[in-house]
Amino acid sequence: MLKKILIISDTHMPKKGKMFPSPLLEVLKKDIDYIFHAGDWTAESVYEELRTFAPLFGVKGNVDKEIWSNTLPEKILVDIEGIKIAMVHGHLGKGRSTPERAYRECEGDSADLIIFGHSHIPFHERKGSTILFNPGSPTDKRRQKQFSFGILMIHQSTITLNHHYFS
């Protein structure tokens, strides 16, 4: 069965945006099976709103300081349609870069896909048999040219993973 998953991170709301941008809302209002948020939500309202659209998986980021965020794990492991997905924010552990820290934090998990955030820099690269993916940010692009998020499609244990960019 085909599964469509929205991947976002580093929303930093309401500081960097009062509401989700329309390109993201368009995707949320369509047939999304799951949402993955790789941390730095900043406010519980982001969590609450996202979970009205689809089942939500999320981790705690380094700026998530409110009491509600203490319920979020630092790392999750999920199996969807035979694909093992690990997710961390990417700020913890040893490594010179965010992708390196995320990889090292999940190295022993035998994940097919590692989702992370923290840097706000879109990233999509294979390391051995594992795909590393950072969706960037839909609300806080920092020094990037565009805002971004990711869409993961899983069909018969096959992954299609793309960034979606917008201004």
C-alpha atoms as a PDB file:
ATOM      1  CA  MET A   1       0.000   0.000   0.000  1.00  0.00           C
ATOM      2  CA  LEU A   2       1.278   3.481  -0.865  1.00  0.00           C
ATOM      3  CA  LYS A   3       2.106   5.717   2.106  1.00  0.00           C
ATOM      4  CA  LYS A   4       2.663   9.475   1.768  1.00  0.00           C
ATOM      5  CA  ILE A   5       4.602  11.180   4.556  1.00  0.00           C
ATOM      6  CA  LEU A   6       5.246  14.878   5.134  1.00  0.00           C
ATOM      7  CA  ILE A   7       8.661  15.623   6.666  1.00  0.00           C
ATOM      8  CA  ILE A   8       9.306  18.990   8.322  1.00  0.00           C
ATOM      9  CA  SER A   9      11.648  20.471  10.894  1.00  0.00           C
ATOM     10  CA  ASP A  10      12.657  23.720  12.530  1.00  0.00           C
ATOM     11  CA  THR A  11       9.305  25.481  12.321  1.00  0.00           C
ATOM     12  CA  HIS A  12      10.272  27.867  15.166  1.00  0.00           C
ATOM     13  CA  MET A  13       6.675  29.054  15.432  1.00  0.00           C
ATOM     14  CA  PRO A  14       5.274  31.523  16.319  1.00  0.00           C
ATOM     15  CA  LYS A  15       8.569  33.452  16.226  1.00  0.00           C
ATOM     16  CA  LYS A  16       9.382  32.664  12.567  1.00  0.00           C
ATOM     17  CA  GLY A  17       5.820  32.361  11.341  1.00  0.00           C
ATOM     18  CA  LYS A  18       2.371  32.835  12.806  1.00  0.00           C
ATOM     19  CA  MET A  19       0.806  30.140  10.617  1.00  0.00           C
ATOM     20  CA  PHE A  20       1.868  27.414   8.250  1.00  0.00           C
ATOM     21  CA  PRO A  21       2.690  28.741   4.763  1.00  0.00           C
ATOM     22  CA  SER A  22       0.187  27.946   2.011  1.00  0.00           C
ATOM     23  CA  PRO A  23       2.432  25.452   0.091  1.00  0.00           C
ATOM     24  CA  LEU A  24       2.696  23.398   3.286  1.00  0.00           C
ATOM     25  CA  LEU A  25      -1.030  23.716   4.060  1.00  0.00           C
ATOM     26  CA  GLU A  26      -1.875  22.481   0.563  1.00  0.00           C
ATOM     27  CA  VAL A  27       0.053  19.277   1.242  1.00  0.00           C
ATOM     28  CA  LEU A  28      -1.375  18.907   4.747  1.00  0.00           C
ATOM     29  CA  LYS A  29      -4.931  19.133   3.411  1.00  0.00           C
ATOM     30  CA  LYS A  30      -4.337  16.336   0.905  1.00  0.00           C
ATOM     31  CA  ASP A  31      -3.953  12.644   1.626  1.00  0.00           C
ATOM     32  CA  ILE A  32      -1.038  12.553   4.053  1.00  0.00           C
ATOM     33  CA  ASP A  33      -0.689   9.295   5.968  1.00  0.00           C
ATOM     34  CA  TYR A  34       1.872  10.518   8.508  1.00  0.00           C
ATOM     35  CA  ILE A  35       3.768  13.643   9.516  1.00  0.00           C
ATOM     36  CA  PHE A  36       7.346  13.578  10.836  1.00  0.00           C
ATOM     37  CA  HIS A  37       8.663  16.691  12.624  1.00  0.00           C
ATOM     38  CA  ALA A  38      12.394  16.643  13.420  1.00  0.00           C
ATOM     39  CA  GLY A  39      12.311  19.153  16.276  1.00  0.00           C
ATOM     40  CA  ASP A  40      12.451  22.855  17.089  1.00  0.00           C
ATOM     41  CA  TRP A  41       8.694  23.245  17.126  1.00  0.00           C
ATOM     42  CA  THR A  42       9.026  26.037  19.731  1.00  0.00           C
ATOM     43  CA  ALA A  43       5.339  25.961  20.725  1.00  0.00           C
ATOM     44  CA  GLU A  44       2.877  23.237  21.650  1.00  0.00           C
ATOM     45  CA  SER A  45       0.325  24.839  19.312  1.00  0.00           C
ATOM     46  CA  VAL A  46       2.404  23.638  16.339  1.00  0.00           C
ATOM     47  CA  TYR A  47       2.217  20.070  17.641  1.00  0.00           C
ATOM     48  CA  GLU A  48      -1.512  20.334  18.323  1.00  0.00           C
ATOM     49  CA  GLU A  49      -2.320  21.762  14.893  1.00  0.00           C
ATOM     50  CA  LEU A  50      -0.213  19.233  12.978  1.00  0.00           C
ATOM     51  CA  ARG A  51      -1.818  16.264  14.677  1.00  0.00           C
ATOM     52  CA  THR A  52      -5.237  17.357  13.364  1.00  0.00           C
ATOM     53  CA  PHE A  53      -4.060  16.488   9.844  1.00  0.00           C
ATOM     54  CA  ALA A  54      -2.483  13.028  10.283  1.00  0.00           C
ATOM     55  CA  PRO A  55      -0.740  10.783  12.806  1.00  0.00           C
ATOM     56  CA  LEU A  56       2.306  12.687  14.004  1.00  0.00           C
ATOM     57  CA  PHE A  57       5.804  11.533  14.957  1.00  0.00           C
ATOM     58  CA  GLY A  58       8.148  14.093  16.478  1.00  0.00           C
ATOM     59  CA  VAL A  59      11.327  14.592  18.434  1.00  0.00           C
ATOM     60  CA  LYS A  60      12.514  17.318  20.747  1.00  0.00           C
ATOM     61  CA  GLY A  61      14.816  19.998  19.354  1.00  0.00           C
ATOM     62  CA  ASN A  62      17.393  22.132  21.131  1.00  0.00           C
ATOM     63  CA  VAL A  63      15.094  25.185  21.419  1.00  0.00           C
ATOM     64  CA  ASP A  64      12.070  23.240  22.670  1.00  0.00           C
ATOM     65  CA  LYS A  65      12.101  24.413  26.283  1.00  0.00           C
ATOM     66  CA  GLU A  66       8.416  24.492  27.227  1.00  0.00           C
ATOM     67  CA  ILE A  67       7.143  21.874  29.685  1.00  0.00           C
ATOM     68  CA  TRP A  68       5.082  20.070  27.009  1.00  0.00           C
ATOM     69  CA  SER A  69       8.246  19.320  24.999  1.00  0.00           C
ATOM     70  CA  ASN A  70       9.562  17.135  27.824  1.00  0.00           C
ATOM     71  CA  THR A  71       7.112  14.495  26.580  1.00  0.00           C
ATOM     72  CA  LEU A  72       8.884  14.375  23.205  1.00  0.00           C
ATOM     73  CA  PRO A  73      11.653  11.801  22.761  1.00  0.00           C
ATOM     74  CA  GLU A  74      15.186  12.678  21.606  1.00  0.00           C
ATOM     75  CA  LYS A  75      14.989   9.870  19.035  1.00  0.00           C
ATOM     76  CA  ILE A  76      12.303   7.693  17.507  1.00  0.00           C
ATOM     77  CA  LEU A  77      12.392   4.505  15.474  1.00  0.00           C
ATOM     78  CA  VAL A  78       9.381   3.650  13.328  1.00  0.00           C
ATOM     79  CA  ASP A  79       8.730   0.894  10.801  1.00  0.00           C
ATOM     80  CA  ILE A  80       6.383   1.878   7.986  1.00  0.00           C
ATOM     81  CA  GLU A  81       5.681  -0.618   5.224  1.00  0.00           C
ATOM     82  CA  GLY A  82       8.952  -2.434   5.928  1.00  0.00           C
ATOM     83  CA  ILE A  83      11.060   0.748   5.914  1.00  0.00           C
ATOM     84  CA  LYS A  84      12.853   1.424   9.201  1.00  0.00           C
ATOM     85  CA  ILE A  85      12.932   5.173   9.902  1.00  0.00           C
ATOM     86  CA  ALA A  86      15.009   6.826  12.640  1.00  0.00           C
ATOM     87  CA  MET A  87      14.545  10.486  13.533  1.00  0.00           C
ATOM     88  CA  VAL A  88      16.606  12.852  15.693  1.00  0.00           C
ATOM     89  CA  HIS A  89      16.986  16.604  15.757  1.00  0.00           C
ATOM     90  CA  GLY A  90      20.724  16.468  15.014  1.00  0.00           C
ATOM     91  CA  HIS A  91      22.167  18.665  17.742  1.00  0.00           C
ATOM     92  CA  LEU A  92      23.333  15.888  20.074  1.00  0.00           C
ATOM     93  CA  GLY A  93      26.357  13.631  19.882  1.00  0.00           C
ATOM     94  CA  LYS A  94      29.781  13.789  18.335  1.00  0.00           C
ATOM     95  CA  GLY A  95      30.512  14.993  14.848  1.00  0.00           C
ATOM     96  CA  ARG A  96      31.600  18.092  12.983  1.00  0.00           C
ATOM     97  CA  SER A  97      28.406  18.455  10.965  1.00  0.00           C
ATOM     98  CA  THR A  98      24.715  17.956  11.627  1.00  0.00           C
ATOM     99  CA  PRO A  99      24.452  15.033   9.167  1.00  0.00           C
ATOM    100  CA  GLU A 100      27.434  13.359  10.850  1.00  0.00           C
ATOM    101  CA  ARG A 101      25.921  13.781  14.331  1.00  0.00           C
ATOM    102  CA  ALA A 102      22.548  12.442  13.158  1.00  0.00           C
ATOM    103  CA  TYR A 103      24.188   9.448  11.505  1.00  0.00           C
ATOM    104  CA  ARG A 104      26.299   8.621  14.553  1.00  0.00           C
ATOM    105  CA  GLU A 105      23.308   8.945  16.860  1.00  0.00           C
ATOM    106  CA  CYS A 106      21.348   6.390  14.787  1.00  0.00           C
ATOM    107  CA  GLU A 107      24.229   4.258  13.514  1.00  0.00           C
ATOM    108  CA  GLY A 108      23.322   1.168  15.530  1.00  0.00           C
ATOM    109  CA  ASP A 109      19.610   1.260  14.659  1.00  0.00           C
ATOM    110  CA  SER A 110      19.835  -0.405  11.206  1.00  0.00           C
ATOM    111  CA  ALA A 111      17.660   2.382   9.798  1.00  0.00           C
ATOM    112  CA  ASP A 112      16.923   2.632   6.090  1.00  0.00           C
ATOM    113  CA  LEU A 113      16.280   6.363   6.524  1.00  0.00           C
ATOM    114  CA  ILE A 114      17.525   8.865   9.102  1.00  0.00           C
ATOM    115  CA  ILE A 115      15.527  12.094   9.309  1.00  0.00           C
ATOM    116  CA  PHE A 116      17.051  15.085  11.086  1.00  0.00           C
ATOM    117  CA  GLY A 117      16.835  18.873  11.274  1.00  0.00           C
ATOM    118  CA  HIS A 118      18.727  21.495  13.296  1.00  0.00           C
ATOM    119  CA  SER A 119      20.815  23.091  10.522  1.00  0.00           C
ATOM    120  CA  HIS A 120      17.834  24.327   8.433  1.00  0.00           C
ATOM    121  CA  ILE A 121      19.845  23.134   5.416  1.00  0.00           C
ATOM    122  CA  PRO A 122      18.104  20.690   3.068  1.00  0.00           C
ATOM    123  CA  PHE A 123      20.170  17.510   2.815  1.00  0.00           C
ATOM    124  CA  HIS A 124      19.625  14.236   0.943  1.00  0.00           C
ATOM    125  CA  GLU A 125      22.488  11.783   0.736  1.00  0.00           C
ATOM    126  CA  ARG A 126      23.121   8.067   0.971  1.00  0.00           C
ATOM    127  CA  LYS A 127      25.708   6.700   3.380  1.00  0.00           C
ATOM    128  CA  GLY A 128      26.117   2.996   2.796  1.00  0.00           C
ATOM    129  CA  SER A 129      22.632   1.501   2.848  1.00  0.00           C
ATOM    130  CA  THR A 130      21.152   4.417   4.838  1.00  0.00           C
ATOM    131  CA  ILE A 131      19.578   7.579   3.461  1.00  0.00           C
ATOM    132  CA  LEU A 132      20.169  10.792   5.445  1.00  0.00           C
ATOM    133  CA  PHE A 133      17.501  13.467   4.990  1.00  0.00           C
ATOM    134  CA  ASN A 134      17.040  16.973   6.367  1.00  0.00           C
ATOM    135  CA  PRO A 135      13.888  18.682   5.038  1.00  0.00           C
ATOM    136  CA  GLY A 136      15.157  22.207   5.749  1.00  0.00           C
ATOM    137  CA  SER A 137      12.515  24.525   7.212  1.00  0.00           C
ATOM    138  CA  PRO A 138       9.122  25.665   5.896  1.00  0.00           C
ATOM    139  CA  THR A 139       9.175  28.810   8.067  1.00  0.00           C
ATOM    140  CA  ASP A 140      12.808  29.727   8.868  1.00  0.00           C
ATOM    141  CA  LYS A 141      15.063  29.368   5.831  1.00  0.00           C
ATOM    142  CA  ARG A 142      17.940  31.283   7.461  1.00  0.00           C
ATOM    143  CA  ARG A 143      20.624  31.613   4.779  1.00  0.00           C
ATOM    144  CA  GLN A 144      18.925  29.249   2.314  1.00  0.00           C
ATOM    145  CA  LYS A 145      17.439  30.584  -0.930  1.00  0.00           C
ATOM    146  CA  GLN A 146      14.042  29.018  -0.303  1.00  0.00           C
ATOM    147  CA  PHE A 147      11.856  27.467   2.365  1.00  0.00           C
ATOM    148  CA  SER A 148      11.485  23.694   2.149  1.00  0.00           C
ATOM    149  CA  PHE A 149       9.933  20.480   3.397  1.00  0.00           C
ATOM    150  CA  GLY A 150      10.111  16.852   2.324  1.00  0.00           C
ATOM    151  CA  ILE A 151       7.701  14.286   0.944  1.00  0.00           C
ATOM    152  CA  LEU A 152       8.415  10.597   1.438  1.00  0.00           C
ATOM    153  CA  MET A 153       6.500   8.027  -0.568  1.00  0.00           C
ATOM    154  CA  ILE A 154       6.758   4.379   0.438  1.00  0.00           C
ATOM    155  CA  HIS A 155       5.344   1.742  -1.894  1.00  0.00           C
ATOM    156  CA  GLN A 156       6.124  -1.951  -1.576  1.00  0.00           C
ATOM    157  CA  SER A 157       9.241  -1.220   0.515  1.00  0.00           C
ATOM    158  CA  THR A 158      10.524   1.267  -2.082  1.00  0.00           C
ATOM    159  CA  ILE A 159      11.343   4.840  -1.043  1.00  0.00           C
ATOM    160  CA  THR A 160      10.821   7.974  -3.118  1.00  0.00           C
ATOM    161  CA  LEU A 161      12.039  11.027  -1.228  1.00  0.00           C
ATOM    162  CA  ASN A 162      12.050  14.636  -2.456  1.00  0.00           C
ATOM    163  CA  HIS A 163      12.462  18.172  -1.215  1.00  0.00           C
ATOM    164  CA  HIS A 164       9.765  20.695  -2.058  1.00  0.00           C
ATOM    165  CA  TYR A 165      11.026  24.282  -2.284  1.00  0.00           C
ATOM    166  CA  PHE A 166       9.045  27.512  -2.238  1.00  0.00           C
ATOM    167  CA  SER A 167       9.568  31.249  -1.716  1.00  0.00           C
END
